[in-house]
Amino acid sequence: MRRLMTVLTLASVLVAVPLGAAAQEATATRRPDVIYVPTPEEVVEAMLQVAKVTKADVVYDLGTGDGRIPVTAAKKYGARGVGIDIDPQRIKDANENVQRSGVGDKVRIIQADLFEANISEATVVTLYLLPSLNQKLMPKLMKELKPGTRIVSHAFDMGEWKPEQELDVNGRKVYYWTIPKK
């Protein structure tokens, strides 16, 4: 009887866990849209500089990979960072990077589908996705982000939405936009 009660108690705890928002985000099961290719450190630096990141910012990195962008934003600029990725291995790598870098108080890594995650608190959004994904993401950026939020993309533009700045970092492109007034 005692064992049955323990099993029932454990089962009720397991049933309750998925109801929390963090647990729902952690259950993303769709496969990644792109393979992971890390952004070179010099490009990370250029992206954060063109966005003029400060300690007042919240940097969201969509498709964070190993978390290097939010980690750098926290370590070098004092910003808060959120890395979002759908791949459990990337989440593991990013969390290890956060811990190793000592920025766990400033950086949060979330396993979620970047098309479904709430990004409304971002003041800066960084991307290294394919052009088709950038364009698919554009309506979400326009809808959820406040006017003045800065968007920076490594390698790929957003089609018809022309960048305000375009940088060349040793042969690698960086594109910059701001969310317009509504």
N, C-alpha and C. Protein backbone atom coordinates (compact mmCIF):
# COMPACT_ATOMS: atom_id res chain seq x y z
N MET A 1 0.82 -1.19 0.00
CA MET A 1 0.00 0.00 0.00
C MET A 1 0.88 1.27 0.00
N ARG A 2 1.92 1.28 0.85
CA ARG A 2 2.80 2.45 0.92
C ARG A 2 3.46 2.69 -0.44
N ARG A 3 3.88 1.61 -1.11
CA ARG A 3 4.52 1.75 -2.41
C ARG A 3 3.53 2.32 -3.44
N LEU A 4 2.30 1.87 -3.41
CA LEU A 4 1.28 2.37 -4.31
C LEU A 4 1.05 3.86 -4.09
N MET A 5 1.02 4.29 -2.82
CA MET A 5 0.82 5.71 -2.52
C MET A 5 2.00 6.53 -3.03
N THR A 6 3.21 5.99 -2.88
CA THR A 6 4.40 6.69 -3.38
C THR A 6 4.32 6.84 -4.89
N VAL A 7 3.94 5.78 -5.58
CA VAL A 7 3.82 5.83 -7.03
C VAL A 7 2.75 6.83 -7.45
N LEU A 8 1.61 6.83 -6.76
CA LEU A 8 0.55 7.77 -7.08
C LEU A 8 0.99 9.21 -6.82
N THR A 9 1.70 9.43 -5.73
CA THR A 9 2.19 10.77 -5.43
C THR A 9 3.18 11.22 -6.51
N LEU A 10 4.10 10.35 -6.89
CA LEU A 10 5.06 10.66 -7.93
C LEU A 10 4.34 10.92 -9.25
N ALA A 11 3.34 10.11 -9.56
CA ALA A 11 2.58 10.30 -10.81
C ALA A 11 1.88 11.66 -10.81
N SER A 12 1.33 12.08 -9.70
CA SER A 12 0.65 13.37 -9.66
C SER A 12 1.64 14.51 -9.84
N VAL A 13 2.86 14.35 -9.33
CA VAL A 13 3.89 15.37 -9.53
C VAL A 13 4.28 15.42 -11.00
N LEU A 14 4.46 14.25 -11.62
CA LEU A 14 4.84 14.21 -13.03
C LEU A 14 3.75 14.80 -13.92
N VAL A 15 2.50 14.58 -13.57
CA VAL A 15 1.40 15.14 -14.34
C VAL A 15 1.38 16.66 -14.20
N ALA A 16 1.72 17.18 -13.03
CA ALA A 16 1.66 18.62 -12.78
C ALA A 16 2.79 19.38 -13.49
N VAL A 17 3.94 18.74 -13.68
CA VAL A 17 5.09 19.43 -14.22
C VAL A 17 4.83 20.05 -15.60
N PRO A 18 4.26 19.32 -16.58
CA PRO A 18 4.11 19.92 -17.90
C PRO A 18 3.18 21.12 -17.97
N LEU A 19 2.43 21.40 -16.94
CA LEU A 19 1.51 22.51 -16.98
C LEU A 19 2.20 23.86 -16.86
N GLY A 20 3.42 23.91 -16.32
CA GLY A 20 4.15 25.17 -16.18
C GLY A 20 4.67 25.65 -17.52
N ALA A 21 4.81 26.96 -17.69
CA ALA A 21 5.26 27.55 -18.95
C ALA A 21 6.67 27.08 -19.31
N ALA A 22 7.56 27.04 -18.32
CA ALA A 22 8.93 26.62 -18.60
C ALA A 22 8.95 25.18 -19.09
N ALA A 23 8.13 24.33 -18.49
CA ALA A 23 8.08 22.94 -18.92
C ALA A 23 7.51 22.83 -20.32
N GLN A 24 6.52 23.65 -20.66
CA GLN A 24 5.96 23.61 -22.00
C GLN A 24 7.02 24.02 -23.01
N GLU A 25 7.79 25.06 -22.70
CA GLU A 25 8.85 25.48 -23.60
C GLU A 25 9.89 24.38 -23.75
N ALA A 26 10.16 23.66 -22.67
CA ALA A 26 11.18 22.63 -22.69
C ALA A 26 10.76 21.39 -23.46
N THR A 27 9.49 21.30 -23.86
CA THR A 27 9.03 20.11 -24.54
C THR A 27 8.96 20.29 -26.05
N ALA A 28 9.57 21.33 -26.58
CA ALA A 28 9.57 21.54 -28.03
C ALA A 28 10.15 20.30 -28.71
N THR A 29 9.43 19.78 -29.68
CA THR A 29 9.87 18.53 -30.30
C THR A 29 10.13 18.65 -31.80
N ARG A 30 9.80 19.76 -32.41
CA ARG A 30 10.03 19.93 -33.84
C ARG A 30 11.53 19.93 -34.11
N ARG A 31 11.91 19.39 -35.23
CA ARG A 31 13.33 19.37 -35.60
C ARG A 31 13.80 20.78 -35.95
N PRO A 32 15.08 21.08 -35.74
CA PRO A 32 15.60 22.40 -36.12
C PRO A 32 15.44 22.65 -37.62
N ASP A 33 15.24 23.91 -37.99
CA ASP A 33 15.10 24.29 -39.39
C ASP A 33 16.44 24.42 -40.10
N VAL A 34 17.51 24.61 -39.33
CA VAL A 34 18.85 24.77 -39.90
C VAL A 34 19.84 23.94 -39.09
N ILE A 35 20.97 23.63 -39.71
CA ILE A 35 22.02 22.98 -38.95
C ILE A 35 22.76 24.05 -38.15
N TYR A 36 23.36 23.63 -37.06
CA TYR A 36 24.07 24.59 -36.20
C TYR A 36 25.43 24.91 -36.80
N VAL A 37 25.65 26.19 -37.03
CA VAL A 37 26.95 26.71 -37.44
C VAL A 37 27.23 27.89 -36.51
N PRO A 38 28.29 27.82 -35.72
CA PRO A 38 28.55 28.90 -34.76
C PRO A 38 28.92 30.21 -35.45
N THR A 39 28.44 31.30 -34.88
CA THR A 39 28.81 32.64 -35.35
C THR A 39 30.23 32.93 -34.86
N PRO A 40 31.14 33.31 -35.77
CA PRO A 40 32.50 33.64 -35.33
C PRO A 40 32.49 34.79 -34.31
N GLU A 41 33.42 34.73 -33.36
CA GLU A 41 33.48 35.73 -32.29
C GLU A 41 33.56 37.16 -32.83
N GLU A 42 34.31 37.38 -33.90
CA GLU A 42 34.42 38.74 -34.45
C GLU A 42 33.08 39.23 -35.00
N VAL A 43 32.25 38.30 -35.48
CA VAL A 43 30.92 38.67 -35.97
C VAL A 43 29.99 38.94 -34.80
N VAL A 44 30.09 38.12 -33.75
CA VAL A 44 29.31 38.35 -32.53
C VAL A 44 29.58 39.77 -32.03
N GLU A 45 30.85 40.12 -31.97
CA GLU A 45 31.24 41.44 -31.48
C GLU A 45 30.66 42.54 -32.37
N ALA A 46 30.74 42.37 -33.67
CA ALA A 46 30.20 43.38 -34.60
C ALA A 46 28.69 43.49 -34.45
N MET A 47 28.00 42.38 -34.27
CA MET A 47 26.54 42.39 -34.11
C MET A 47 26.14 43.18 -32.87
N LEU A 48 26.83 42.93 -31.77
CA LEU A 48 26.50 43.62 -30.51
C LEU A 48 26.88 45.10 -30.58
N GLN A 49 27.96 45.41 -31.28
CA GLN A 49 28.37 46.80 -31.42
C GLN A 49 27.41 47.59 -32.30
N VAL A 50 27.00 47.02 -33.44
CA VAL A 50 26.10 47.76 -34.33
C VAL A 50 24.75 47.99 -33.66
N ALA A 51 24.35 47.08 -32.77
CA ALA A 51 23.10 47.24 -32.02
C ALA A 51 23.26 48.18 -30.82
N LYS A 52 24.50 48.59 -30.56
CA LYS A 52 24.80 49.48 -29.42
C LYS A 52 24.24 48.92 -28.10
N VAL A 53 24.56 47.65 -27.85
CA VAL A 53 24.08 46.96 -26.65
C VAL A 53 24.67 47.60 -25.40
N THR A 54 23.81 47.79 -24.39
CA THR A 54 24.22 48.33 -23.09
C THR A 54 23.65 47.44 -21.98
N LYS A 55 23.97 47.80 -20.75
CA LYS A 55 23.44 47.04 -19.60
C LYS A 55 21.93 47.19 -19.46
N ALA A 56 21.33 48.14 -20.14
CA ALA A 56 19.88 48.33 -20.08
C ALA A 56 19.14 47.39 -21.05
N ASP A 57 19.87 46.67 -21.90
CA ASP A 57 19.24 45.85 -22.92
C ASP A 57 18.92 44.42 -22.47
N VAL A 58 17.96 43.84 -23.19
CA VAL A 58 17.63 42.42 -23.08
C VAL A 58 17.82 41.86 -24.49
N VAL A 59 18.88 41.07 -24.66
CA VAL A 59 19.26 40.53 -25.96
C VAL A 59 18.68 39.13 -26.11
N TYR A 60 17.82 38.96 -27.10
CA TYR A 60 17.26 37.64 -27.43
C TYR A 60 18.00 37.11 -28.64
N ASP A 61 18.55 35.92 -28.51
CA ASP A 61 19.25 35.26 -29.61
C ASP A 61 18.38 34.09 -30.07
N LEU A 62 17.80 34.21 -31.25
CA LEU A 62 16.87 33.20 -31.76
C LEU A 62 17.66 32.17 -32.57
N GLY A 63 17.65 30.93 -32.07
CA GLY A 63 18.51 29.89 -32.63
C GLY A 63 19.89 30.02 -32.02
N THR A 64 19.94 30.04 -30.70
CA THR A 64 21.13 30.44 -29.95
C THR A 64 22.33 29.51 -30.09
N GLY A 65 22.12 28.27 -30.46
CA GLY A 65 23.27 27.36 -30.57
C GLY A 65 23.95 27.19 -29.24
N ASP A 66 25.22 27.58 -29.16
CA ASP A 66 25.97 27.41 -27.90
C ASP A 66 25.82 28.60 -26.96
N GLY A 67 24.95 29.55 -27.30
CA GLY A 67 24.67 30.67 -26.40
C GLY A 67 25.71 31.76 -26.41
N ARG A 68 26.61 31.75 -27.36
CA ARG A 68 27.73 32.71 -27.33
C ARG A 68 27.28 34.16 -27.43
N ILE A 69 26.19 34.44 -28.13
CA ILE A 69 25.76 35.84 -28.26
C ILE A 69 25.20 36.38 -26.94
N PRO A 70 24.23 35.71 -26.29
CA PRO A 70 23.76 36.26 -25.01
C PRO A 70 24.85 36.23 -23.93
N VAL A 71 25.73 35.24 -23.97
CA VAL A 71 26.83 35.20 -23.00
C VAL A 71 27.75 36.40 -23.19
N THR A 72 28.12 36.70 -24.43
CA THR A 72 28.99 37.85 -24.70
C THR A 72 28.29 39.15 -24.33
N ALA A 73 26.99 39.25 -24.65
CA ALA A 73 26.24 40.47 -24.31
C ALA A 73 26.25 40.69 -22.80
N ALA A 74 26.14 39.63 -22.02
CA ALA A 74 26.14 39.74 -20.56
C ALA A 74 27.54 40.05 -20.03
N LYS A 75 28.53 39.31 -20.48
CA LYS A 75 29.90 39.48 -19.97
C LYS A 75 30.50 40.82 -20.34
N LYS A 76 30.37 41.21 -21.59
CA LYS A 76 31.06 42.40 -22.07
C LYS A 76 30.25 43.69 -21.90
N TYR A 77 28.92 43.58 -22.01
CA TYR A 77 28.10 44.79 -22.00
C TYR A 77 27.18 44.89 -20.79
N GLY A 78 27.10 43.83 -19.99
CA GLY A 78 26.25 43.86 -18.81
C GLY A 78 24.77 43.68 -19.11
N ALA A 79 24.43 43.34 -20.34
CA ALA A 79 23.03 43.15 -20.74
C ALA A 79 22.49 41.84 -20.17
N ARG A 80 21.17 41.75 -20.10
CA ARG A 80 20.54 40.46 -19.83
C ARG A 80 20.38 39.76 -21.17
N GLY A 81 20.41 38.45 -21.16
CA GLY A 81 20.30 37.71 -22.42
C GLY A 81 19.37 36.52 -22.29
N VAL A 82 18.73 36.20 -23.41
CA VAL A 82 17.88 35.02 -23.50
C VAL A 82 18.24 34.32 -24.80
N GLY A 83 18.63 33.07 -24.69
CA GLY A 83 18.90 32.26 -25.87
C GLY A 83 17.78 31.27 -26.06
N ILE A 84 17.27 31.19 -27.27
CA ILE A 84 16.18 30.27 -27.58
C ILE A 84 16.64 29.32 -28.68
N ASP A 85 16.46 28.04 -28.44
CA ASP A 85 16.80 27.03 -29.43
C ASP A 85 15.87 25.85 -29.26
N ILE A 86 15.63 25.12 -30.32
CA ILE A 86 14.73 23.98 -30.27
C ILE A 86 15.48 22.66 -30.04
N ASP A 87 16.78 22.68 -30.30
CA ASP A 87 17.60 21.46 -30.25
C ASP A 87 18.11 21.20 -28.82
N PRO A 88 17.75 20.06 -28.23
CA PRO A 88 18.17 19.76 -26.86
C PRO A 88 19.70 19.77 -26.68
N GLN A 89 20.44 19.33 -27.69
CA GLN A 89 21.90 19.34 -27.58
C GLN A 89 22.43 20.77 -27.50
N ARG A 90 21.85 21.68 -28.29
CA ARG A 90 22.26 23.08 -28.25
C ARG A 90 21.92 23.70 -26.90
N ILE A 91 20.78 23.33 -26.34
CA ILE A 91 20.39 23.83 -25.01
C ILE A 91 21.42 23.40 -23.98
N LYS A 92 21.82 22.14 -24.05
CA LYS A 92 22.84 21.62 -23.13
C LYS A 92 24.14 22.41 -23.29
N ASP A 93 24.58 22.58 -24.54
CA ASP A 93 25.82 23.33 -24.81
C ASP A 93 25.73 24.77 -24.31
N ALA A 94 24.60 25.42 -24.59
CA ALA A 94 24.42 26.81 -24.18
C ALA A 94 24.42 26.95 -22.66
N ASN A 95 23.72 26.05 -21.97
CA ASN A 95 23.70 26.11 -20.51
C ASN A 95 25.08 25.88 -19.92
N GLU A 96 25.86 24.99 -20.52
CA GLU A 96 27.24 24.78 -20.06
C GLU A 96 28.07 26.04 -20.27
N ASN A 97 27.87 26.71 -21.40
CA ASN A 97 28.59 27.96 -21.70
C ASN A 97 28.21 29.05 -20.69
N VAL A 98 26.92 29.14 -20.38
CA VAL A 98 26.45 30.13 -19.39
C VAL A 98 27.13 29.88 -18.05
N GLN A 99 27.14 28.62 -17.61
CA GLN A 99 27.74 28.30 -16.31
C GLN A 99 29.25 28.54 -16.32
N ARG A 100 29.91 28.08 -17.37
CA ARG A 100 31.37 28.24 -17.48
C ARG A 100 31.75 29.73 -17.50
N SER A 101 30.90 30.57 -18.09
CA SER A 101 31.18 31.99 -18.21
C SER A 101 30.76 32.80 -16.98
N GLY A 102 30.04 32.16 -16.06
CA GLY A 102 29.64 32.84 -14.83
C GLY A 102 28.58 33.91 -15.02
N VAL A 103 27.69 33.73 -16.00
CA VAL A 103 26.66 34.73 -16.26
C VAL A 103 25.25 34.18 -16.03
N GLY A 104 25.15 33.16 -15.20
CA GLY A 104 23.85 32.55 -14.93
C GLY A 104 22.83 33.50 -14.33
N ASP A 105 23.30 34.58 -13.71
CA ASP A 105 22.38 35.58 -13.14
C ASP A 105 21.84 36.52 -14.21
N LYS A 106 22.44 36.52 -15.41
CA LYS A 106 22.03 37.45 -16.47
C LYS A 106 21.50 36.75 -17.72
N VAL A 107 21.80 35.47 -17.90
CA VAL A 107 21.44 34.78 -19.14
C VAL A 107 20.56 33.57 -18.84
N ARG A 108 19.49 33.47 -19.61
CA ARG A 108 18.54 32.37 -19.51
C ARG A 108 18.49 31.66 -20.86
N ILE A 109 18.55 30.36 -20.86
CA ILE A 109 18.47 29.57 -22.09
C ILE A 109 17.15 28.80 -22.06
N ILE A 110 16.40 28.89 -23.16
CA ILE A 110 15.08 28.29 -23.22
C ILE A 110 15.00 27.35 -24.42
N GLN A 111 14.53 26.13 -24.18
CA GLN A 111 14.26 25.24 -25.31
C GLN A 111 12.85 25.51 -25.78
N ALA A 112 12.75 26.04 -26.99
CA ALA A 112 11.44 26.39 -27.55
C ALA A 112 11.57 26.58 -29.05
N ASP A 113 10.44 26.58 -29.70
CA ASP A 113 10.34 26.91 -31.11
C ASP A 113 10.37 28.43 -31.21
N LEU A 114 11.34 28.99 -31.89
CA LEU A 114 11.48 30.45 -31.94
C LEU A 114 10.28 31.13 -32.58
N PHE A 115 9.49 30.40 -33.36
CA PHE A 115 8.29 30.97 -33.97
C PHE A 115 7.13 31.03 -32.98
N GLU A 116 7.23 30.28 -31.88
CA GLU A 116 6.17 30.23 -30.88
C GLU A 116 6.53 30.97 -29.59
N ALA A 117 7.81 31.14 -29.31
CA ALA A 117 8.26 31.73 -28.05
C ALA A 117 7.87 33.21 -27.95
N ASN A 118 7.60 33.66 -26.73
CA ASN A 118 7.30 35.07 -26.47
C ASN A 118 8.63 35.84 -26.42
N ILE A 119 8.78 36.78 -27.34
CA ILE A 119 10.02 37.56 -27.42
C ILE A 119 9.79 39.04 -27.14
N SER A 120 8.64 39.35 -26.59
CA SER A 120 8.22 40.75 -26.45
C SER A 120 9.09 41.59 -25.52
N GLU A 121 9.84 40.97 -24.62
CA GLU A 121 10.68 41.76 -23.71
C GLU A 121 12.01 42.16 -24.34
N ALA A 122 12.32 41.64 -25.51
CA ALA A 122 13.60 41.93 -26.17
C ALA A 122 13.73 43.40 -26.55
N THR A 123 14.94 43.93 -26.36
CA THR A 123 15.27 45.25 -26.90
C THR A 123 16.24 45.10 -28.07
N VAL A 124 16.87 43.92 -28.15
CA VAL A 124 17.75 43.54 -29.25
C VAL A 124 17.46 42.08 -29.58
N VAL A 125 17.34 41.77 -30.88
CA VAL A 125 17.17 40.38 -31.33
C VAL A 125 18.29 40.07 -32.30
N THR A 126 18.97 38.94 -32.07
CA THR A 126 20.03 38.51 -32.98
C THR A 126 19.61 37.22 -33.67
N LEU A 127 20.05 37.09 -34.92
CA LEU A 127 19.65 35.97 -35.77
C LEU A 127 20.85 35.46 -36.58
N TYR A 128 20.88 34.16 -36.82
CA TYR A 128 21.76 33.57 -37.82
C TYR A 128 20.95 32.41 -38.40
N LEU A 129 19.97 32.79 -39.20
CA LEU A 129 19.03 31.84 -39.80
C LEU A 129 19.13 31.97 -41.32
N LEU A 130 18.37 31.18 -42.03
CA LEU A 130 18.32 31.29 -43.49
C LEU A 130 17.41 32.44 -43.91
N PRO A 131 17.58 32.97 -45.13
CA PRO A 131 16.73 34.08 -45.58
C PRO A 131 15.23 33.74 -45.50
N SER A 132 14.86 32.53 -45.86
CA SER A 132 13.44 32.15 -45.81
C SER A 132 12.92 32.17 -44.37
N LEU A 133 13.74 31.78 -43.42
CA LEU A 133 13.32 31.80 -42.01
C LEU A 133 13.25 33.23 -41.49
N ASN A 134 14.20 34.08 -41.88
CA ASN A 134 14.14 35.49 -41.50
C ASN A 134 12.84 36.11 -42.00
N GLN A 135 12.48 35.82 -43.24
CA GLN A 135 11.26 36.39 -43.81
C GLN A 135 10.01 35.82 -43.13
N LYS A 136 10.05 34.55 -42.80
CA LYS A 136 8.92 33.93 -42.08
C LYS A 136 8.78 34.53 -40.68
N LEU A 137 9.90 34.90 -40.08
CA LEU A 137 9.93 35.45 -38.73
C LEU A 137 9.53 36.93 -38.69
N MET A 138 9.68 37.62 -39.80
CA MET A 138 9.46 39.08 -39.83
C MET A 138 8.09 39.51 -39.29
N PRO A 139 6.96 38.87 -39.65
CA PRO A 139 5.67 39.30 -39.08
C PRO A 139 5.64 39.18 -37.55
N LYS A 140 6.26 38.14 -37.01
CA LYS A 140 6.32 37.97 -35.55
C LYS A 140 7.12 39.10 -34.92
N LEU A 141 8.24 39.45 -35.53
CA LEU A 141 9.07 40.55 -35.01
C LEU A 141 8.26 41.85 -34.99
N MET A 142 7.58 42.13 -36.09
CA MET A 142 6.79 43.36 -36.20
C MET A 142 5.64 43.40 -35.21
N LYS A 143 5.04 42.25 -34.96
CA LYS A 143 3.88 42.17 -34.07
C LYS A 143 4.27 42.24 -32.59
N GLU A 144 5.31 41.51 -32.20
CA GLU A 144 5.63 41.34 -30.78
C GLU A 144 6.61 42.37 -30.22
N LEU A 145 7.45 42.94 -31.06
CA LEU A 145 8.51 43.82 -30.55
C LEU A 145 8.08 45.28 -30.55
N LYS A 146 8.58 46.00 -29.57
CA LYS A 146 8.28 47.42 -29.43
C LYS A 146 9.04 48.22 -30.49
N PRO A 147 8.48 49.34 -30.92
CA PRO A 147 9.22 50.22 -31.84
C PRO A 147 10.58 50.59 -31.22
N GLY A 148 11.59 50.59 -32.07
CA GLY A 148 12.94 50.90 -31.61
C GLY A 148 13.77 49.67 -31.26
N THR A 149 13.13 48.50 -31.14
CA THR A 149 13.89 47.27 -30.89
C THR A 149 14.82 47.04 -32.06
N ARG A 150 16.07 46.70 -31.74
CA ARG A 150 17.07 46.49 -32.78
C ARG A 150 17.14 45.02 -33.17
N ILE A 151 17.25 44.78 -34.49
CA ILE A 151 17.36 43.43 -35.04
C ILE A 151 18.70 43.35 -35.77
N VAL A 152 19.47 42.31 -35.49
CA VAL A 152 20.76 42.12 -36.16
C VAL A 152 20.83 40.69 -36.67
N SER A 153 21.18 40.54 -37.94
CA SER A 153 21.28 39.23 -38.55
C SER A 153 22.67 39.00 -39.12
N HIS A 154 23.20 37.84 -38.84
CA HIS A 154 24.47 37.42 -39.41
C HIS A 154 24.17 36.71 -40.74
N ALA A 155 24.78 37.17 -41.80
CA ALA A 155 24.80 36.53 -43.12
C ALA A 155 23.57 36.75 -43.99
N PHE A 156 22.38 36.85 -43.42
CA PHE A 156 21.19 36.87 -44.25
C PHE A 156 20.30 38.07 -43.96
N ASP A 157 19.75 38.65 -45.04
CA ASP A 157 18.87 39.81 -44.90
C ASP A 157 17.42 39.37 -44.72
N MET A 158 16.50 40.31 -44.90
CA MET A 158 15.07 40.02 -44.75
C MET A 158 14.29 40.35 -46.01
N GLY A 159 14.92 40.14 -47.15
CA GLY A 159 14.21 40.33 -48.41
C GLY A 159 13.84 41.78 -48.64
N GLU A 160 12.54 42.05 -48.71
CA GLU A 160 12.03 43.39 -49.03
C GLU A 160 12.32 44.42 -47.93
N TRP A 161 12.50 43.97 -46.69
CA TRP A 161 12.79 44.90 -45.60
C TRP A 161 14.28 45.23 -45.65
N LYS A 162 14.58 46.37 -46.21
CA LYS A 162 15.97 46.76 -46.41
C LYS A 162 16.63 47.15 -45.09
N PRO A 163 17.88 46.70 -44.86
CA PRO A 163 18.57 47.04 -43.62
C PRO A 163 18.95 48.51 -43.56
N GLU A 164 19.01 49.03 -42.34
CA GLU A 164 19.47 50.40 -42.13
C GLU A 164 20.98 50.47 -42.23
N GLN A 165 21.63 49.36 -41.86
CA GLN A 165 23.09 49.26 -41.97
C GLN A 165 23.44 47.87 -42.44
N GLU A 166 24.53 47.79 -43.18
CA GLU A 166 25.06 46.51 -43.64
C GLU A 166 26.57 46.58 -43.43
N LEU A 167 27.10 45.65 -42.67
CA LEU A 167 28.52 45.63 -42.37
C LEU A 167 29.19 44.45 -43.07
N ASP A 168 30.46 44.60 -43.35
CA ASP A 168 31.28 43.50 -43.84
C ASP A 168 32.33 43.23 -42.76
N VAL A 169 32.30 42.03 -42.20
CA VAL A 169 33.25 41.64 -41.15
C VAL A 169 34.12 40.53 -41.73
N ASN A 170 35.23 40.94 -42.32
CA ASN A 170 36.14 39.98 -42.96
C ASN A 170 35.42 39.02 -43.90
N GLY A 171 34.57 39.59 -44.76
CA GLY A 171 33.86 38.79 -45.75
C GLY A 171 32.53 38.23 -45.29
N ARG A 172 32.15 38.49 -44.05
CA ARG A 172 30.86 38.01 -43.52
C ARG A 172 29.94 39.22 -43.35
N LYS A 173 28.70 39.07 -43.77
CA LYS A 173 27.72 40.16 -43.71
C LYS A 173 27.01 40.20 -42.36
N VAL A 174 26.74 41.42 -41.92
CA VAL A 174 25.91 41.67 -40.74
C VAL A 174 24.90 42.73 -41.16
N TYR A 175 23.61 42.46 -40.90
CA TYR A 175 22.52 43.37 -41.27
C TYR A 175 21.86 43.90 -40.01
N TYR A 176 21.43 45.17 -40.06
CA TYR A 176 20.84 45.84 -38.89
C TYR A 176 19.56 46.58 -39.28
N TRP A 177 18.52 46.39 -38.46
CA TRP A 177 17.24 47.09 -38.63
C TRP A 177 16.75 47.55 -37.26
N THR A 178 15.79 48.46 -37.23
CA THR A 178 15.04 48.75 -36.01
C THR A 178 13.55 48.60 -36.34
N ILE A 179 12.80 48.15 -35.35
CA ILE A 179 11.36 48.01 -35.50
C ILE A 179 10.76 49.42 -35.62
N PRO A 180 10.03 49.69 -36.69
CA PRO A 180 9.46 51.03 -36.88
C PRO A 180 8.29 51.31 -35.94
N LYS A 181 7.95 52.60 -35.84
CA LYS A 181 6.75 52.97 -35.08
C LYS A 181 5.55 52.38 -35.78
N LYS A 182 4.57 51.98 -34.95
CA LYS A 182 3.38 51.31 -35.52
C LYS A 182 2.36 52.31 -35.97
